[in-house]
């Protein structure tokens, strides 16, 4: 397996919430996809939204459980304060939106048109799980979570990563 040094997801406004969902807070080696079969994500927390939906999270990504259909719902749930923050991010008016086709490969990572770095583990997972033509990403800045949009509806959040040597 190939490894690249990368810091864990960047912590902005939602950093503490994603930390509560299970994100580590120190730099670590992030395994990158190889030709070997890719295992499914390990869902650790449920995020029960007030609109009746439930997101599942592994700590770096949170997605609508109805779309990803986890084998089992995580037994740990995020608290009310965290749910309100995540709902606020999902409903925020964000200035930048782009399609998956706008992502470019930069070394072992994906880069958004504005330079934001994203993990191939999650981008490739989304491409395998949902029709790419119906997926979009919205963001405000390089230090904030990216909203995952499917058929025009916010269905999840993804934390960006800080690449060790970002390319222009």
C-alpha atoms as a PDB file:
ATOM      1  CA  UNK A   1       0.000   0.000   0.000  1.00  0.00           C
ATOM      2  CA  UNK A   2       1.248   3.493  -0.819  1.00  0.00           C
ATOM      3  CA  UNK A   3       1.318   6.086   1.975  1.00  0.00           C
ATOM      4  CA  UNK A   4       1.646   9.818   1.706  1.00  0.00           C
ATOM      5  CA  UNK A   5       2.279  12.145   4.577  1.00  0.00           C
ATOM      6  CA  UNK A   6      -0.775  14.316   4.990  1.00  0.00           C
ATOM      7  CA  UNK A   7      -2.193  16.135   7.917  1.00  0.00           C
ATOM      8  CA  UNK A   8      -5.603  15.057   9.079  1.00  0.00           C
ATOM      9  CA  UNK A   9      -8.569  17.113   7.889  1.00  0.00           C
ATOM     10  CA  UNK A  10      -8.316  20.855   8.453  1.00  0.00           C
ATOM     11  CA  UNK A  11     -10.266  22.063  11.481  1.00  0.00           C
ATOM     12  CA  UNK A  12     -12.316  25.194  10.920  1.00  0.00           C
ATOM     13  CA  UNK A  13     -15.730  26.032  12.337  1.00  0.00           C
ATOM     14  CA  UNK A  14     -16.790  22.389  12.471  1.00  0.00           C
ATOM     15  CA  UNK A  15     -13.467  20.988  13.601  1.00  0.00           C
ATOM     16  CA  UNK A  16     -14.590  20.282  17.118  1.00  0.00           C
ATOM     17  CA  UNK A  17     -17.764  18.651  15.843  1.00  0.00           C
ATOM     18  CA  UNK A  18     -15.864  16.413  13.460  1.00  0.00           C
ATOM     19  CA  UNK A  19     -13.431  15.706  16.289  1.00  0.00           C
ATOM     20  CA  UNK A  20     -16.397  14.506  18.322  1.00  0.00           C
ATOM     21  CA  UNK A  21     -17.390  12.330  15.382  1.00  0.00           C
ATOM     22  CA  UNK A  22     -13.957  10.681  15.586  1.00  0.00           C
ATOM     23  CA  UNK A  23     -11.360  12.688  13.699  1.00  0.00           C
ATOM     24  CA  UNK A  24      -7.862  12.434  15.083  1.00  0.00           C
ATOM     25  CA  UNK A  25      -6.256  15.762  15.914  1.00  0.00           C
ATOM     26  CA  UNK A  26      -2.625  15.095  15.041  1.00  0.00           C
ATOM     27  CA  UNK A  27      -0.808  14.641  11.765  1.00  0.00           C
ATOM     28  CA  UNK A  28      -0.837  11.071  10.513  1.00  0.00           C
ATOM     29  CA  UNK A  29       0.007   9.005   7.488  1.00  0.00           C
ATOM     30  CA  UNK A  30      -3.008   8.626   5.258  1.00  0.00           C
ATOM     31  CA  UNK A  31      -3.230   5.414   3.225  1.00  0.00           C
ATOM     32  CA  UNK A  32      -3.922   6.092  -0.414  1.00  0.00           C
ATOM     33  CA  UNK A  33      -5.923   3.873  -2.725  1.00  0.00           C
ATOM     34  CA  UNK A  34      -4.076   1.148  -4.573  1.00  0.00           C
ATOM     35  CA  UNK A  35      -5.023  -1.442  -7.134  1.00  0.00           C
ATOM     36  CA  UNK A  36      -6.234  -3.706  -4.300  1.00  0.00           C
ATOM     37  CA  UNK A  37      -9.961  -3.911  -3.582  1.00  0.00           C
ATOM     38  CA  UNK A  38     -11.172  -0.908  -1.625  1.00  0.00           C
ATOM     39  CA  UNK A  39     -12.988  -1.684   1.591  1.00  0.00           C
ATOM     40  CA  UNK A  40     -16.115   0.229   2.577  1.00  0.00           C
ATOM     41  CA  UNK A  41     -15.883   3.143   4.977  1.00  0.00           C
ATOM     42  CA  UNK A  42     -16.259   2.402   8.679  1.00  0.00           C
ATOM     43  CA  UNK A  43     -19.234   4.405   9.968  1.00  0.00           C
ATOM     44  CA  UNK A  44     -18.662   5.359  13.614  1.00  0.00           C
ATOM     45  CA  UNK A  45     -21.362   7.920  14.479  1.00  0.00           C
ATOM     46  CA  UNK A  46     -24.932   8.712  13.552  1.00  0.00           C
ATOM     47  CA  UNK A  47     -25.998  12.339  13.127  1.00  0.00           C
ATOM     48  CA  UNK A  48     -29.799  12.534  13.563  1.00  0.00           C
ATOM     49  CA  UNK A  49     -31.012  15.658  11.728  1.00  0.00           C
ATOM     50  CA  UNK A  50     -34.213  17.486  12.677  1.00  0.00           C
ATOM     51  CA  UNK A  51     -35.707  16.911   9.197  1.00  0.00           C
ATOM     52  CA  UNK A  52     -35.806  13.162   9.901  1.00  0.00           C
ATOM     53  CA  UNK A  53     -32.694  12.209   7.958  1.00  0.00           C
ATOM     54  CA  UNK A  54     -29.698  10.583   9.593  1.00  0.00           C
ATOM     55  CA  UNK A  55     -26.145  11.136   8.473  1.00  0.00           C
ATOM     56  CA  UNK A  56     -23.483   8.536   9.162  1.00  0.00           C
ATOM     57  CA  UNK A  57     -19.881   9.565   9.699  1.00  0.00           C
ATOM     58  CA  UNK A  58     -16.457   8.002   9.837  1.00  0.00           C
ATOM     59  CA  UNK A  59     -14.928  11.199  11.195  1.00  0.00           C
ATOM     60  CA  UNK A  60     -13.889  12.911   7.972  1.00  0.00           C
ATOM     61  CA  UNK A  61     -17.088  12.540   5.977  1.00  0.00           C
ATOM     62  CA  UNK A  62     -20.753  12.575   6.981  1.00  0.00           C
ATOM     63  CA  UNK A  63     -23.347  11.319   4.473  1.00  0.00           C
ATOM     64  CA  UNK A  64     -27.082  10.690   4.349  1.00  0.00           C
ATOM     65  CA  UNK A  65     -27.594   7.088   5.478  1.00  0.00           C
ATOM     66  CA  UNK A  66     -30.370   6.581   2.896  1.00  0.00           C
ATOM     67  CA  UNK A  67     -27.876   7.168   0.094  1.00  0.00           C
ATOM     68  CA  UNK A  68     -24.955   5.112   1.392  1.00  0.00           C
ATOM     69  CA  UNK A  69     -27.029   2.363   3.015  1.00  0.00           C
ATOM     70  CA  UNK A  70     -24.606   1.261   5.745  1.00  0.00           C
ATOM     71  CA  UNK A  71     -24.781  -2.406   6.752  1.00  0.00           C
ATOM     72  CA  UNK A  72     -25.620  -1.282  10.286  1.00  0.00           C
ATOM     73  CA  UNK A  73     -26.394   2.078  11.847  1.00  0.00           C
ATOM     74  CA  UNK A  74     -23.684   3.316  14.236  1.00  0.00           C
ATOM     75  CA  UNK A  75     -24.695   3.022  17.879  1.00  0.00           C
ATOM     76  CA  UNK A  76     -23.087   6.327  18.896  1.00  0.00           C
ATOM     77  CA  UNK A  77     -25.009   9.495  18.035  1.00  0.00           C
ATOM     78  CA  UNK A  78     -23.790  13.067  17.866  1.00  0.00           C
ATOM     79  CA  UNK A  79     -25.269  15.378  20.512  1.00  0.00           C
ATOM     80  CA  UNK A  80     -27.776  18.164  19.925  1.00  0.00           C
ATOM     81  CA  UNK A  81     -25.210  20.980  19.837  1.00  0.00           C
ATOM     82  CA  UNK A  82     -23.206  19.193  17.140  1.00  0.00           C
ATOM     83  CA  UNK A  83     -26.334  18.394  15.131  1.00  0.00           C
ATOM     84  CA  UNK A  84     -27.311  22.094  15.079  1.00  0.00           C
ATOM     85  CA  UNK A  85     -23.872  23.107  13.807  1.00  0.00           C
ATOM     86  CA  UNK A  86     -23.918  20.461  11.071  1.00  0.00           C
ATOM     87  CA  UNK A  87     -27.453  21.468  10.035  1.00  0.00           C
ATOM     88  CA  UNK A  88     -26.277  25.077   9.814  1.00  0.00           C
ATOM     89  CA  UNK A  89     -23.403  24.090   7.545  1.00  0.00           C
ATOM     90  CA  UNK A  90     -25.671  21.957   5.344  1.00  0.00           C
ATOM     91  CA  UNK A  91     -28.092  24.867   4.853  1.00  0.00           C
ATOM     92  CA  UNK A  92     -25.502  27.653   4.505  1.00  0.00           C
ATOM     93  CA  UNK A  93     -25.327  29.791   1.387  1.00  0.00           C
ATOM     94  CA  UNK A  94     -21.886  28.970   0.011  1.00  0.00           C
ATOM     95  CA  UNK A  95     -20.312  30.985  -2.816  1.00  0.00           C
ATOM     96  CA  UNK A  96     -18.315  28.276  -4.602  1.00  0.00           C
ATOM     97  CA  UNK A  97     -19.873  25.227  -6.255  1.00  0.00           C
ATOM     98  CA  UNK A  98     -18.324  22.800  -8.682  1.00  0.00           C
ATOM     99  CA  UNK A  99     -18.859  19.416 -10.304  1.00  0.00           C
ATOM    100  CA  UNK A 100     -16.735  16.344  -9.716  1.00  0.00           C
ATOM    101  CA  UNK A 101     -15.495  16.707 -13.289  1.00  0.00           C
ATOM    102  CA  UNK A 102     -13.872  19.992 -12.194  1.00  0.00           C
ATOM    103  CA  UNK A 103     -11.576  18.162  -9.752  1.00  0.00           C
ATOM    104  CA  UNK A 104      -8.010  17.572 -10.897  1.00  0.00           C
ATOM    105  CA  UNK A 105      -5.522  15.028  -9.655  1.00  0.00           C
ATOM    106  CA  UNK A 106      -2.521  16.621  -7.905  1.00  0.00           C
ATOM    107  CA  UNK A 107      -0.111  13.910  -6.926  1.00  0.00           C
ATOM    108  CA  UNK A 108      -1.914  11.640  -4.485  1.00  0.00           C
ATOM    109  CA  UNK A 109      -4.801  14.047  -3.880  1.00  0.00           C
ATOM    110  CA  UNK A 110      -7.665  15.765  -5.670  1.00  0.00           C
ATOM    111  CA  UNK A 111      -7.759  19.549  -5.980  1.00  0.00           C
ATOM    112  CA  UNK A 112     -10.828  21.735  -6.391  1.00  0.00           C
ATOM    113  CA  UNK A 113     -10.692  24.655  -8.848  1.00  0.00           C
ATOM    114  CA  UNK A 114      -9.847  27.033  -5.964  1.00  0.00           C
ATOM    115  CA  UNK A 115      -6.962  24.813  -4.764  1.00  0.00           C
ATOM    116  CA  UNK A 116      -8.755  23.050  -1.914  1.00  0.00           C
ATOM    117  CA  UNK A 117      -7.236  19.593  -1.371  1.00  0.00           C
ATOM    118  CA  UNK A 118      -9.484  16.553  -0.972  1.00  0.00           C
ATOM    119  CA  UNK A 119      -8.714  12.964  -0.089  1.00  0.00           C
ATOM    120  CA  UNK A 120      -8.994  10.426  -2.904  1.00  0.00           C
ATOM    121  CA  UNK A 121     -10.412   7.945  -0.392  1.00  0.00           C
ATOM    122  CA  UNK A 122     -13.610   9.991  -0.100  1.00  0.00           C
ATOM    123  CA  UNK A 123     -13.841  11.384  -3.627  1.00  0.00           C
ATOM    124  CA  UNK A 124     -13.404   7.895  -5.100  1.00  0.00           C
ATOM    125  CA  UNK A 125     -15.917   6.501  -2.577  1.00  0.00           C
ATOM    126  CA  UNK A 126     -18.508   9.088  -3.652  1.00  0.00           C
ATOM    127  CA  UNK A 127     -17.836   8.319  -7.326  1.00  0.00           C
ATOM    128  CA  UNK A 128     -18.372   4.588  -6.698  1.00  0.00           C
ATOM    129  CA  UNK A 129     -21.456   5.083  -4.531  1.00  0.00           C
ATOM    130  CA  UNK A 130     -23.478   7.796  -6.290  1.00  0.00           C
ATOM    131  CA  UNK A 131     -23.876   8.871  -9.931  1.00  0.00           C
ATOM    132  CA  UNK A 132     -21.105  11.397 -10.471  1.00  0.00           C
ATOM    133  CA  UNK A 133     -23.162  13.524 -12.880  1.00  0.00           C
ATOM    134  CA  UNK A 134     -25.634  14.249 -10.041  1.00  0.00           C
ATOM    135  CA  UNK A 135     -22.974  15.168  -7.449  1.00  0.00           C
ATOM    136  CA  UNK A 136     -21.625  18.628  -6.743  1.00  0.00           C
ATOM    137  CA  UNK A 137     -19.493  20.170  -4.013  1.00  0.00           C
ATOM    138  CA  UNK A 138     -20.056  23.546  -2.333  1.00  0.00           C
ATOM    139  CA  UNK A 139     -17.625  25.482  -0.200  1.00  0.00           C
ATOM    140  CA  UNK A 140     -16.781  28.816   1.291  1.00  0.00           C
ATOM    141  CA  UNK A 141     -13.077  28.594   2.006  1.00  0.00           C
ATOM    142  CA  UNK A 142     -10.062  26.343   2.189  1.00  0.00           C
ATOM    143  CA  UNK A 143     -10.376  25.849   5.942  1.00  0.00           C
ATOM    144  CA  UNK A 144     -14.038  24.850   6.084  1.00  0.00           C
ATOM    145  CA  UNK A 145     -16.014  21.665   5.440  1.00  0.00           C
ATOM    146  CA  UNK A 146     -17.236  21.013   1.924  1.00  0.00           C
ATOM    147  CA  UNK A 147     -20.964  20.404   1.463  1.00  0.00           C
ATOM    148  CA  UNK A 148     -21.793  17.364  -0.668  1.00  0.00           C
ATOM    149  CA  UNK A 149     -24.810  18.006  -2.899  1.00  0.00           C
ATOM    150  CA  UNK A 150     -26.793  15.273  -4.654  1.00  0.00           C
ATOM    151  CA  UNK A 151     -29.626  16.215  -7.027  1.00  0.00           C
ATOM    152  CA  UNK A 152     -29.529  19.780  -5.683  1.00  0.00           C
ATOM    153  CA  UNK A 153     -29.910  18.748  -2.015  1.00  0.00           C
ATOM    154  CA  UNK A 154     -27.191  18.944   0.658  1.00  0.00           C
ATOM    155  CA  UNK A 155     -26.586  15.334   1.735  1.00  0.00           C
ATOM    156  CA  UNK A 156     -23.303  15.475   3.593  1.00  0.00           C
ATOM    157  CA  UNK A 157     -20.077  17.155   4.613  1.00  0.00           C
ATOM    158  CA  UNK A 158     -16.462  16.382   3.791  1.00  0.00           C
ATOM    159  CA  UNK A 159     -13.441  17.763   5.596  1.00  0.00           C
ATOM    160  CA  UNK A 160     -10.639  18.935   3.305  1.00  0.00           C
ATOM    161  CA  UNK A 161      -7.069  17.899   3.985  1.00  0.00           C
ATOM    162  CA  UNK A 162      -3.861  19.846   4.011  1.00  0.00           C
ATOM    163  CA  UNK A 163      -1.407  18.301   1.579  1.00  0.00           C
ATOM    164  CA  UNK A 164       2.232  18.306   2.689  1.00  0.00           C
ATOM    165  CA  UNK A 165       3.458  20.182  -0.401  1.00  0.00           C
ATOM    166  CA  UNK A 166       0.517  21.838  -2.150  1.00  0.00           C
ATOM    167  CA  UNK A 167       1.098  22.564  -5.795  1.00  0.00           C
ATOM    168  CA  UNK A 168      -0.095  25.815  -7.370  1.00  0.00           C
END
